[in-house]
Amino acid sequence: MLTSKQRARLRAMANTLSDTVLIGKEGLTDAVIAQVEEVLEKHELMKIKILETAMLTPREAQQVLCEELDAEPVQCIGTKVVIFRVARQPENRHIDLNA
C-alpha cells in the first residue's frame, strides 16, 4: 500500500512518461496483461491509455490490472491510468519510494 506522499512522488514522475500500452476494443486480453507485466518488471512505473472503444472504463481497467499483477494504482485521470509495482528482480529496481 502506497502512502499519499509516495503516490504524489510517483504521480510527479509519471508526468514525463508517455503511454506505454494502449487498451482498445479487445479489452484486457492475456497478451495485453503480459505486455503490462513485462513493462512493469523493466520500468516499475507505467502509463496506460484506455481508448474510448474499450468495453471497460479506465478505473475498471486499473483495478483489474492491479489485482492481476499485484501492482498499486497511482492515478486515473480521463483515459490515462498510472500503475506501479516494485520490480521482482533487484537489478531492475530503479525507483526508491523512501527517498
PDB file of N, CA and C in Angstrom:
ATOM      1  N   MET A   1       0.846  -1.179   0.000  1.00  0.00           N
ATOM      2  CA  MET A   1       0.000   0.000   0.000  1.00  0.00           C
ATOM      3  C   MET A   1       0.889   1.240   0.000  1.00  0.00           C
ATOM      4  N   LEU A   2       0.588   2.152  -0.899  1.00  0.00           N
ATOM      5  CA  LEU A   2       1.365   3.382  -1.007  1.00  0.00           C
ATOM      6  C   LEU A   2       0.803   4.452  -0.086  1.00  0.00           C
ATOM      7  N   THR A   3       1.697   5.238   0.493  1.00  0.00           N
ATOM      8  CA  THR A   3       1.247   6.384   1.276  1.00  0.00           C
ATOM      9  C   THR A   3       0.914   7.517   0.305  1.00  0.00           C
ATOM     10  N   SER A   4       0.238   8.535   0.797  1.00  0.00           N
ATOM     11  CA  SER A   4      -0.121   9.652  -0.075  1.00  0.00           C
ATOM     12  C   SER A   4       1.130  10.387  -0.563  1.00  0.00           C
ATOM     13  N   LYS A   5       2.161  10.428   0.253  1.00  0.00           N
ATOM     14  CA  LYS A   5       3.414  11.077  -0.139  1.00  0.00           C
ATOM     15  C   LYS A   5       4.104  10.290  -1.259  1.00  0.00           C
ATOM     16  N   GLN A   6       4.122   8.977  -1.133  1.00  0.00           N
ATOM     17  CA  GLN A   6       4.714   8.135  -2.168  1.00  0.00           C
ATOM     18  C   GLN A   6       3.918   8.244  -3.470  1.00  0.00           C
ATOM     19  N   ARG A   7       2.603   8.227  -3.350  1.00  0.00           N
ATOM     20  CA  ARG A   7       1.729   8.340  -4.518  1.00  0.00           C
ATOM     21  C   ARG A   7       1.964   9.678  -5.231  1.00  0.00           C
ATOM     22  N   ALA A   8       2.118  10.756  -4.471  1.00  0.00           N
ATOM     23  CA  ALA A   8       2.368  12.075  -5.053  1.00  0.00           C
ATOM     24  C   ALA A   8       3.706  12.087  -5.793  1.00  0.00           C
ATOM     25  N   ARG A   9       4.706  11.460  -5.214  1.00  0.00           N
ATOM     26  CA  ARG A   9       6.025  11.391  -5.864  1.00  0.00           C
ATOM     27  C   ARG A   9       5.943  10.597  -7.168  1.00  0.00           C
ATOM     28  N   LEU A  10       5.207   9.492  -7.149  1.00  0.00           N
ATOM     29  CA  LEU A  10       5.051   8.684  -8.362  1.00  0.00           C
ATOM     30  C   LEU A  10       4.253   9.429  -9.431  1.00  0.00           C
ATOM     31  N   ARG A  11       3.241  10.179  -9.009  1.00  0.00           N
ATOM     32  CA  ARG A  11       2.465  10.986  -9.970  1.00  0.00           C
ATOM     33  C   ARG A  11       3.367  12.006 -10.651  1.00  0.00           C
ATOM     34  N   ALA A  12       4.239  12.633  -9.875  1.00  0.00           N
ATOM     35  CA  ALA A  12       5.171  13.615 -10.438  1.00  0.00           C
ATOM     36  C   ALA A  12       6.114  12.947 -11.438  1.00  0.00           C
ATOM     37  N   MET A  13       6.589  11.758 -11.114  1.00  0.00           N
ATOM     38  CA  MET A  13       7.477  11.027 -12.020  1.00  0.00           C
ATOM     39  C   MET A  13       6.745  10.607 -13.289  1.00  0.00           C
ATOM     40  N   ALA A  14       5.459  10.303 -13.170  1.00  0.00           N
ATOM     41  CA  ALA A  14       4.674   9.827 -14.312  1.00  0.00           C
ATOM     42  C   ALA A  14       4.340  10.941 -15.300  1.00  0.00           C
ATOM     43  N   ASN A  15       4.464  12.198 -14.876  1.00  0.00           N
ATOM     44  CA  ASN A  15       4.153  13.312 -15.778  1.00  0.00           C
ATOM     45  C   ASN A  15       4.967  13.262 -17.059  1.00  0.00           C
ATOM     46  N   THR A  16       6.204  12.831 -16.978  1.00  0.00           N
ATOM     47  CA  THR A  16       7.075  12.818 -18.151  1.00  0.00           C
ATOM     48  C   THR A  16       6.949  11.539 -18.970  1.00  0.00           C
ATOM     49  N   LEU A  17       6.219  10.559 -18.462  1.00  0.00           N
ATOM     50  CA  LEU A  17       6.076   9.292 -19.180  1.00  0.00           C
ATOM     51  C   LEU A  17       5.108   9.430 -20.343  1.00  0.00           C
ATOM     52  N   SER A  18       5.381   8.687 -21.402  1.00  0.00           N
ATOM     53  CA  SER A  18       4.409   8.593 -22.487  1.00  0.00           C
ATOM     54  C   SER A  18       3.614   7.301 -22.286  1.00  0.00           C
ATOM     55  N   ASP A  19       2.505   7.186 -23.003  1.00  0.00           N
ATOM     56  CA  ASP A  19       1.674   5.987 -22.886  1.00  0.00           C
ATOM     57  C   ASP A  19       2.472   4.782 -23.382  1.00  0.00           C
ATOM     58  N   THR A  20       2.614   3.789 -22.528  1.00  0.00           N
ATOM     59  CA  THR A  20       3.389   2.611 -22.886  1.00  0.00           C
ATOM     60  C   THR A  20       2.511   1.557 -23.540  1.00  0.00           C
ATOM     61  N   VAL A  21       1.283   1.425 -23.059  1.00  0.00           N
ATOM     62  CA  VAL A  21       0.359   0.414 -23.561  1.00  0.00           C
ATOM     63  C   VAL A  21      -0.970   1.086 -23.866  1.00  0.00           C
ATOM     64  N   LEU A  22      -1.584   0.678 -24.981  1.00  0.00           N
ATOM     65  CA  LEU A  22      -2.923   1.138 -25.336  1.00  0.00           C
ATOM     66  C   LEU A  22      -3.876  -0.036 -25.207  1.00  0.00           C
ATOM     67  N   ILE A  23      -5.017   0.188 -24.567  1.00  0.00           N
ATOM     68  CA  ILE A  23      -6.030  -0.853 -24.430  1.00  0.00           C
ATOM     69  C   ILE A  23      -7.216  -0.436 -25.281  1.00  0.00           C
ATOM     70  N   GLY A  24      -7.564  -1.265 -26.252  1.00  0.00           N
ATOM     71  CA  GLY A  24      -8.627  -0.944 -27.198  1.00  0.00           C
ATOM     72  C   GLY A  24      -9.859  -1.799 -27.019  1.00  0.00           C
ATOM     73  N   LYS A  25     -10.558  -2.029 -28.125  1.00  0.00           N
ATOM     74  CA  LYS A  25     -11.855  -2.704 -28.066  1.00  0.00           C
ATOM     75  C   LYS A  25     -11.764  -4.157 -27.615  1.00  0.00           C
ATOM     76  N   GLU A  26     -10.602  -4.776 -27.759  1.00  0.00           N
ATOM     77  CA  GLU A  26     -10.436  -6.156 -27.295  1.00  0.00           C
ATOM     78  C   GLU A  26     -10.363  -6.230 -25.773  1.00  0.00           C
ATOM     79  N   GLY A  27     -10.073  -5.115 -25.137  1.00  0.00           N
ATOM     80  CA  GLY A  27     -10.015  -5.070 -23.679  1.00  0.00           C
ATOM     81  C   GLY A  27      -8.729  -5.656 -23.132  1.00  0.00           C
ATOM     82  N   LEU A  28      -8.827  -6.223 -21.953  1.00  0.00           N
ATOM     83  CA  LEU A  28      -7.654  -6.774 -21.266  1.00  0.00           C
ATOM     84  C   LEU A  28      -7.462  -8.240 -21.637  1.00  0.00           C
ATOM     85  N   THR A  29      -6.820  -8.468 -22.748  1.00  0.00           N
ATOM     86  CA  THR A  29      -6.525  -9.829 -23.181  1.00  0.00           C
ATOM     87  C   THR A  29      -5.284 -10.327 -22.442  1.00  0.00           C
ATOM     88  N   ASP A  30      -5.014 -11.616 -22.580  1.00  0.00           N
ATOM     89  CA  ASP A  30      -3.813 -12.192 -21.960  1.00  0.00           C
ATOM     90  C   ASP A  30      -2.552 -11.531 -22.501  1.00  0.00           C
ATOM     91  N   ALA A  31      -2.565 -11.188 -23.792  1.00  0.00           N
ATOM     92  CA  ALA A  31      -1.399 -10.544 -24.406  1.00  0.00           C
ATOM     93  C   ALA A  31      -1.160  -9.158 -23.811  1.00  0.00           C
ATOM     94  N   VAL A  32      -2.224  -8.407 -23.588  1.00  0.00           N
ATOM     95  CA  VAL A  32      -2.096  -7.068 -23.003  1.00  0.00           C
ATOM     96  C   VAL A  32      -1.569  -7.179 -21.578  1.00  0.00           C
ATOM     97  N   ILE A  33      -2.108  -8.107 -20.810  1.00  0.00           N
ATOM     98  CA  ILE A  33      -1.663  -8.293 -19.428  1.00  0.00           C
ATOM     99  C   ILE A  33      -0.192  -8.708 -19.395  1.00  0.00           C
ATOM    100  N   ALA A  34       0.219  -9.575 -20.320  1.00  0.00           N
ATOM    101  CA  ALA A  34       1.623  -9.991 -20.390  1.00  0.00           C
ATOM    102  C   ALA A  34       2.522  -8.810 -20.750  1.00  0.00           C
ATOM    103  N   GLN A  35       2.050  -7.952 -21.646  1.00  0.00           N
ATOM    104  CA  GLN A  35       2.829  -6.772 -22.034  1.00  0.00           C
ATOM    105  C   GLN A  35       2.984  -5.809 -20.857  1.00  0.00           C
ATOM    106  N   VAL A  36       1.907  -5.604 -20.117  1.00  0.00           N
ATOM    107  CA  VAL A  36       1.962  -4.728 -18.942  1.00  0.00           C
ATOM    108  C   VAL A  36       2.910  -5.320 -17.903  1.00  0.00           C
ATOM    109  N   GLU A  37       2.842  -6.621 -17.705  1.00  0.00           N
ATOM    110  CA  GLU A  37       3.740  -7.314 -16.771  1.00  0.00           C
ATOM    111  C   GLU A  37       5.201  -7.074 -17.147  1.00  0.00           C
ATOM    112  N   GLU A  38       5.504  -7.208 -18.424  1.00  0.00           N
ATOM    113  CA  GLU A  38       6.875  -7.027 -18.907  1.00  0.00           C
ATOM    114  C   GLU A  38       7.368  -5.595 -18.681  1.00  0.00           C
ATOM    115  N   VAL A  39       6.522  -4.621 -18.985  1.00  0.00           N
ATOM    116  CA  VAL A  39       6.911  -3.219 -18.807  1.00  0.00           C
ATOM    117  C   VAL A  39       7.086  -2.897 -17.326  1.00  0.00           C
ATOM    118  N   LEU A  40       6.188  -3.399 -16.479  1.00  0.00           N
ATOM    119  CA  LEU A  40       6.312  -3.154 -15.040  1.00  0.00           C
ATOM    120  C   LEU A  40       7.612  -3.733 -14.491  1.00  0.00           C
ATOM    121  N   GLU A  41       7.994  -4.890 -14.981  1.00  0.00           N
ATOM    122  CA  GLU A  41       9.223  -5.513 -14.494  1.00  0.00           C
ATOM    123  C   GLU A  41      10.447  -4.695 -14.892  1.00  0.00           C
ATOM    124  N   LYS A  42      10.405  -4.070 -16.059  1.00  0.00           N
ATOM    125  CA  LYS A  42      11.559  -3.291 -16.529  1.00  0.00           C
ATOM    126  C   LYS A  42      11.586  -1.872 -15.974  1.00  0.00           C
ATOM    127  N   HIS A  43      10.412  -1.246 -15.854  1.00  0.00           N
ATOM    128  CA  HIS A  43      10.373   0.179 -15.516  1.00  0.00           C
ATOM    129  C   HIS A  43       9.693   0.506 -14.187  1.00  0.00           C
ATOM    130  N   GLU A  44       8.931  -0.413 -13.627  1.00  0.00           N
ATOM    131  CA  GLU A  44       8.220  -0.260 -12.349  1.00  0.00           C
ATOM    132  C   GLU A  44       7.027   0.697 -12.411  1.00  0.00           C
ATOM    133  N   LEU A  45       7.142   1.790 -13.131  1.00  0.00           N
ATOM    134  CA  LEU A  45       6.073   2.785 -13.217  1.00  0.00           C
ATOM    135  C   LEU A  45       5.673   2.916 -14.674  1.00  0.00           C
ATOM    136  N   MET A  46       4.372   2.858 -14.947  1.00  0.00           N
ATOM    137  CA  MET A  46       3.943   2.959 -16.342  1.00  0.00           C
ATOM    138  C   MET A  46       2.618   3.676 -16.482  1.00  0.00           C
ATOM    139  N   LYS A  47       2.438   4.257 -17.668  1.00  0.00           N
ATOM    140  CA  LYS A  47       1.208   4.962 -18.001  1.00  0.00           C
ATOM    141  C   LYS A  47       0.514   4.184 -19.112  1.00  0.00           C
ATOM    142  N   ILE A  48      -0.783   3.988 -18.950  1.00  0.00           N
ATOM    143  CA  ILE A  48      -1.588   3.219 -19.897  1.00  0.00           C
ATOM    144  C   ILE A  48      -2.732   4.097 -20.377  1.00  0.00           C
ATOM    145  N   LYS A  49      -3.034   4.009 -21.669  1.00  0.00           N
ATOM    146  CA  LYS A  49      -4.173   4.748 -22.211  1.00  0.00           C
ATOM    147  C   LYS A  49      -5.261   3.753 -22.579  1.00  0.00           C
ATOM    148  N   ILE A  50      -6.478   4.023 -22.117  1.00  0.00           N
ATOM    149  CA  ILE A  50      -7.626   3.202 -22.452  1.00  0.00           C
ATOM    150  C   ILE A  50      -8.406   3.957 -23.523  1.00  0.00           C
ATOM    151  N   LEU A  51      -8.504   3.371 -24.698  1.00  0.00           N
ATOM    152  CA  LEU A  51      -9.203   4.017 -25.802  1.00  0.00           C
ATOM    153  C   LEU A  51     -10.709   4.027 -25.547  1.00  0.00           C
ATOM    154  N   GLU A  52     -11.406   4.945 -26.187  1.00  0.00           N
ATOM    155  CA  GLU A  52     -12.852   5.061 -25.990  1.00  0.00           C
ATOM    156  C   GLU A  52     -13.605   3.844 -26.509  1.00  0.00           C
ATOM    157  N   THR A  53     -12.994   3.077 -27.408  1.00  0.00           N
ATOM    158  CA  THR A  53     -13.650   1.884 -27.947  1.00  0.00           C
ATOM    159  C   THR A  53     -13.588   0.701 -26.985  1.00  0.00           C
ATOM    160  N   ALA A  54     -12.828   0.825 -25.917  1.00  0.00           N
ATOM    161  CA  ALA A  54     -12.705  -0.267 -24.943  1.00  0.00           C
ATOM    162  C   ALA A  54     -14.035  -0.472 -24.222  1.00  0.00           C
ATOM    163  N   MET A  55     -14.286  -1.704 -23.859  1.00  0.00           N
ATOM    164  CA  MET A  55     -15.550  -2.055 -23.212  1.00  0.00           C
ATOM    165  C   MET A  55     -15.532  -1.823 -21.705  1.00  0.00           C
ATOM    166  N   LEU A  56     -14.425  -1.344 -21.177  1.00  0.00           N
ATOM    167  CA  LEU A  56     -14.366  -1.092 -19.746  1.00  0.00           C
ATOM    168  C   LEU A  56     -13.830   0.315 -19.502  1.00  0.00           C
ATOM    169  N   THR A  57     -14.161   0.853 -18.348  1.00  0.00           N
ATOM    170  CA  THR A  57     -13.730   2.209 -18.007  1.00  0.00           C
ATOM    171  C   THR A  57     -12.264   2.176 -17.575  1.00  0.00           C
ATOM    172  N   PRO A  58     -11.595   3.320 -17.613  1.00  0.00           N
ATOM    173  CA  PRO A  58     -10.201   3.349 -17.148  1.00  0.00           C
ATOM    174  C   PRO A  58     -10.046   2.870 -15.703  1.00  0.00           C
ATOM    175  N   ARG A  59     -10.969   3.239 -14.839  1.00  0.00           N
ATOM    176  CA  ARG A  59     -10.872   2.816 -13.438  1.00  0.00           C
ATOM    177  C   ARG A  59     -11.016   1.294 -13.319  1.00  0.00           C
ATOM    178  N   GLU A  60     -11.935   0.708 -14.085  1.00  0.00           N
ATOM    179  CA  GLU A  60     -12.097  -0.750 -14.071  1.00  0.00           C
ATOM    180  C   GLU A  60     -10.833  -1.437 -14.581  1.00  0.00           C
ATOM    181  N   ALA A  61     -10.261  -0.901 -15.653  1.00  0.00           N
ATOM    182  CA  ALA A  61      -9.033  -1.476 -16.208  1.00  0.00           C
ATOM    183  C   ALA A  61      -7.905  -1.411 -15.185  1.00  0.00           C
ATOM    184  N   GLN A  62      -7.807  -0.281 -14.493  1.00  0.00           N
ATOM    185  CA  GLN A  62      -6.774  -0.112 -13.475  1.00  0.00           C
ATOM    186  C   GLN A  62      -6.957  -1.136 -12.357  1.00  0.00           C
ATOM    187  N   GLN A  63      -8.187  -1.310 -11.914  1.00  0.00           N
ATOM    188  CA  GLN A  63      -8.470  -2.270 -10.840  1.00  0.00           C
ATOM    189  C   GLN A  63      -8.076  -3.683 -11.244  1.00  0.00           C
ATOM    190  N   VAL A  64      -8.494  -4.092 -12.435  1.00  0.00           N
ATOM    191  CA  VAL A  64      -8.209  -5.447 -12.901  1.00  0.00           C
ATOM    192  C   VAL A  64      -6.707  -5.664 -13.036  1.00  0.00           C
ATOM    193  N   LEU A  65      -6.018  -4.708 -13.649  1.00  0.00           N
ATOM    194  CA  LEU A  65      -4.568  -4.844 -13.823  1.00  0.00           C
ATOM    195  C   LEU A  65      -3.848  -4.914 -12.481  1.00  0.00           C
ATOM    196  N   CYS A  66      -4.250  -4.080 -11.545  1.00  0.00           N
ATOM    197  CA  CYS A  66      -3.596  -4.082 -10.235  1.00  0.00           C
ATOM    198  C   CYS A  66      -3.825  -5.396  -9.499  1.00  0.00           C
ATOM    199  N   GLU A  67      -5.019  -5.951  -9.610  1.00  0.00           N
ATOM    200  CA  GLU A  67      -5.301  -7.235  -8.967  1.00  0.00           C
ATOM    201  C   GLU A  67      -4.527  -8.362  -9.636  1.00  0.00           C
ATOM    202  N   GLU A  68      -4.536  -8.394 -10.972  1.00  0.00           N
ATOM    203  CA  GLU A  68      -3.871  -9.468 -11.722  1.00  0.00           C
ATOM    204  C   GLU A  68      -2.356  -9.457 -11.530  1.00  0.00           C
ATOM    205  N   LEU A  69      -1.777  -8.254 -11.482  1.00  0.00           N
ATOM    206  CA  LEU A  69      -0.320  -8.133 -11.497  1.00  0.00           C
ATOM    207  C   LEU A  69       0.276  -7.736 -10.155  1.00  0.00           C
ATOM    208  N   ASP A  70      -0.540  -7.684  -9.124  1.00  0.00           N
ATOM    209  CA  ASP A  70      -0.070  -7.311  -7.787  1.00  0.00           C
ATOM    210  C   ASP A  70       0.619  -5.944  -7.821  1.00  0.00           C
ATOM    211  N   ALA A  71      -0.034  -4.995  -8.498  1.00  0.00           N
ATOM    212  CA  ALA A  71       0.501  -3.640  -8.643  1.00  0.00           C
ATOM    213  C   ALA A  71      -0.316  -2.674  -7.794  1.00  0.00           C
ATOM    214  N   GLU A  72       0.163  -1.442  -7.714  1.00  0.00           N
ATOM    215  CA  GLU A  72      -0.518  -0.397  -6.946  1.00  0.00           C
ATOM    216  C   GLU A  72      -1.059   0.668  -7.892  1.00  0.00           C
ATOM    217  N   PRO A  73      -2.317   1.069  -7.719  1.00  0.00           N
ATOM    218  CA  PRO A  73      -2.834   2.173  -8.526  1.00  0.00           C
ATOM    219  C   PRO A  73      -2.209   3.483  -8.060  1.00  0.00           C
ATOM    220  N   VAL A  74      -1.804   4.313  -9.009  1.00  0.00           N
ATOM    221  CA  VAL A  74      -1.209   5.601  -8.672  1.00  0.00           C
ATOM    222  C   VAL A  74      -2.165   6.723  -9.030  1.00  0.00           C
ATOM    223  N   GLN A  75      -2.700   6.673 -10.259  1.00  0.00           N
ATOM    224  CA  GLN A  75      -3.534   7.774 -10.727  1.00  0.00           C
ATOM    225  C   GLN A  75      -4.429   7.286 -11.856  1.00  0.00           C
ATOM    226  N   CYS A  76      -5.614   7.876 -11.935  1.00  0.00           N
ATOM    227  CA  CYS A  76      -6.543   7.598 -13.026  1.00  0.00           C
ATOM    228  C   CYS A  76      -7.232   8.910 -13.378  1.00  0.00           C
ATOM    229  N   ILE A  77      -6.832   9.492 -14.504  1.00  0.00           N
ATOM    230  CA  ILE A  77      -7.420  10.752 -14.947  1.00  0.00           C
ATOM    231  C   ILE A  77      -7.841  10.591 -16.399  1.00  0.00           C
ATOM    232  N   GLY A  78      -9.102  10.837 -16.673  1.00  0.00           N
ATOM    233  CA  GLY A  78      -9.601  10.720 -18.044  1.00  0.00           C
ATOM    234  C   GLY A  78      -9.403   9.317 -18.570  1.00  0.00           C
ATOM    235  N   THR A  79      -8.673   9.204 -19.671  1.00  0.00           N
ATOM    236  CA  THR A  79      -8.423   7.894 -20.267  1.00  0.00           C
ATOM    237  C   THR A  79      -7.043   7.350 -19.903  1.00  0.00           C
ATOM    238  N   LYS A  80      -6.327   8.049 -19.044  1.00  0.00           N
ATOM    239  CA  LYS A  80      -4.966   7.642 -18.663  1.00  0.00           C
ATOM    240  C   LYS A  80      -4.957   7.006 -17.276  1.00  0.00           C
ATOM    241  N   VAL A  81      -4.181   5.950 -17.167  1.00  0.00           N
ATOM    242  CA  VAL A  81      -4.045   5.214 -15.916  1.00  0.00           C
ATOM    243  C   VAL A  81      -2.558   5.051 -15.631  1.00  0.00           C
ATOM    244  N   VAL A  82      -2.165   5.258 -14.390  1.00  0.00           N
ATOM    245  CA  VAL A  82      -0.771   5.059 -13.985  1.00  0.00           C
ATOM    246  C   VAL A  82      -0.754   3.995 -12.894  1.00  0.00           C
ATOM    247  N   ILE A  83       0.114   2.986 -13.077  1.00  0.00           N
ATOM    248  CA  ILE A  83       0.256   1.941 -12.066  1.00  0.00           C
ATOM    249  C   ILE A  83       1.737   1.750 -11.742  1.00  0.00           C
ATOM    250  N   PHE A  84       1.989   1.186 -10.557  1.00  0.00           N
ATOM    251  CA  PHE A  84       3.353   0.987 -10.063  1.00  0.00           C
ATOM    252  C   PHE A  84       3.463  -0.380  -9.415  1.00  0.00           C
ATOM    253  N   ARG A  85       4.601  -1.013  -9.627  1.00  0.00           N
ATOM    254  CA  ARG A  85       4.932  -2.237  -8.905  1.00  0.00           C
ATOM    255  C   ARG A  85       6.442  -2.321  -8.780  1.00  0.00           C
ATOM    256  N   VAL A  86       6.912  -2.632  -7.599  1.00  0.00           N
ATOM    257  CA  VAL A  86       8.348  -2.819  -7.398  1.00  0.00           C
ATOM    258  C   VAL A  86       8.769  -4.031  -8.223  1.00  0.00           C
ATOM    259  N   ALA A  87       9.858  -3.889  -8.963  1.00  0.00           N
ATOM    260  CA  ALA A  87      10.351  -4.976  -9.805  1.00  0.00           C
ATOM    261  C   ALA A  87      10.723  -6.176  -8.944  1.00  0.00           C
ATOM    262  N   ARG A  88      10.435  -7.354  -9.450  1.00  0.00           N
ATOM    263  CA  ARG A  88      10.736  -8.568  -8.699  1.00  0.00           C
ATOM    264  C   ARG A  88      12.233  -8.867  -8.695  1.00  0.00           C
ATOM    265  N   GLN A  89      12.917  -8.499  -9.776  1.00  0.00           N
ATOM    266  CA  GLN A  89      14.363  -8.691  -9.872  1.00  0.00           C
ATOM    267  C   GLN A  89      15.069  -7.466  -9.286  1.00  0.00           C
ATOM    268  N   PRO A  90      15.937  -7.643  -8.302  1.00  0.00           N
ATOM    269  CA  PRO A  90      16.609  -6.497  -7.672  1.00  0.00           C
ATOM    270  C   PRO A  90      17.366  -5.604  -8.656  1.00  0.00           C
ATOM    271  N   GLU A  91      17.931  -6.183  -9.719  1.00  0.00           N
ATOM    272  CA  GLU A  91      18.686  -5.363 -10.673  1.00  0.00           C
ATOM    273  C   GLU A  91      17.786  -4.455 -11.515  1.00  0.00           C
ATOM    274  N   ASN A  92      16.475  -4.709 -11.509  1.00  0.00           N
ATOM    275  CA  ASN A  92      15.529  -3.876 -12.262  1.00  0.00           C
ATOM    276  C   ASN A  92      14.890  -2.782 -11.408  1.00  0.00           C
ATOM    277  N   ARG A  93      15.252  -2.705 -10.154  1.00  0.00           N
ATOM    278  CA  ARG A  93      14.643  -1.706  -9.266  1.00  0.00           C
ATOM    279  C   ARG A  93      15.314  -0.355  -9.461  1.00  0.00           C
ATOM    280  N   HIS A  94      14.529   0.623  -9.922  1.00  0.00           N
ATOM    281  CA  HIS A  94      15.057   1.951 -10.219  1.00  0.00           C
ATOM    282  C   HIS A  94      14.462   3.024  -9.316  1.00  0.00           C
ATOM    283  N   ILE A  95      13.303   2.761  -8.755  1.00  0.00           N
ATOM    284  CA  ILE A  95      12.583   3.783  -8.001  1.00  0.00           C
ATOM    285  C   ILE A  95      12.678   3.476  -6.512  1.00  0.00           C
ATOM    286  N   ASP A  96      13.176   4.436  -5.755  1.00  0.00           N
ATOM    287  CA  ASP A  96      13.253   4.308  -4.303  1.00  0.00           C
ATOM    288  C   ASP A  96      12.140   5.155  -3.699  1.00  0.00           C
ATOM    289  N   LEU A  97      11.141   4.507  -3.136  1.00  0.00           N
ATOM    290  CA  LEU A  97       9.989   5.225  -2.587  1.00  0.00           C
ATOM    291  C   LEU A  97      10.297   5.918  -1.273  1.00  0.00           C
ATOM    292  N   ASN A  98      11.369   5.534  -0.621  1.00  0.00           N
ATOM    293  CA  ASN A  98      11.688   6.108   0.687  1.00  0.00           C
ATOM    294  C   ASN A  98      12.646   7.290   0.608  1.00  0.00           C
ATOM    295  N   ALA A  99      12.993   7.697  -0.594  1.00  0.00           N
ATOM    296  CA  ALA A  99      13.943   8.822  -0.745  1.00  0.00           C
ATOM    297  C   ALA A  99      13.263  10.146  -0.493  1.00  0.00           C
TER     298      ALA A  99
END
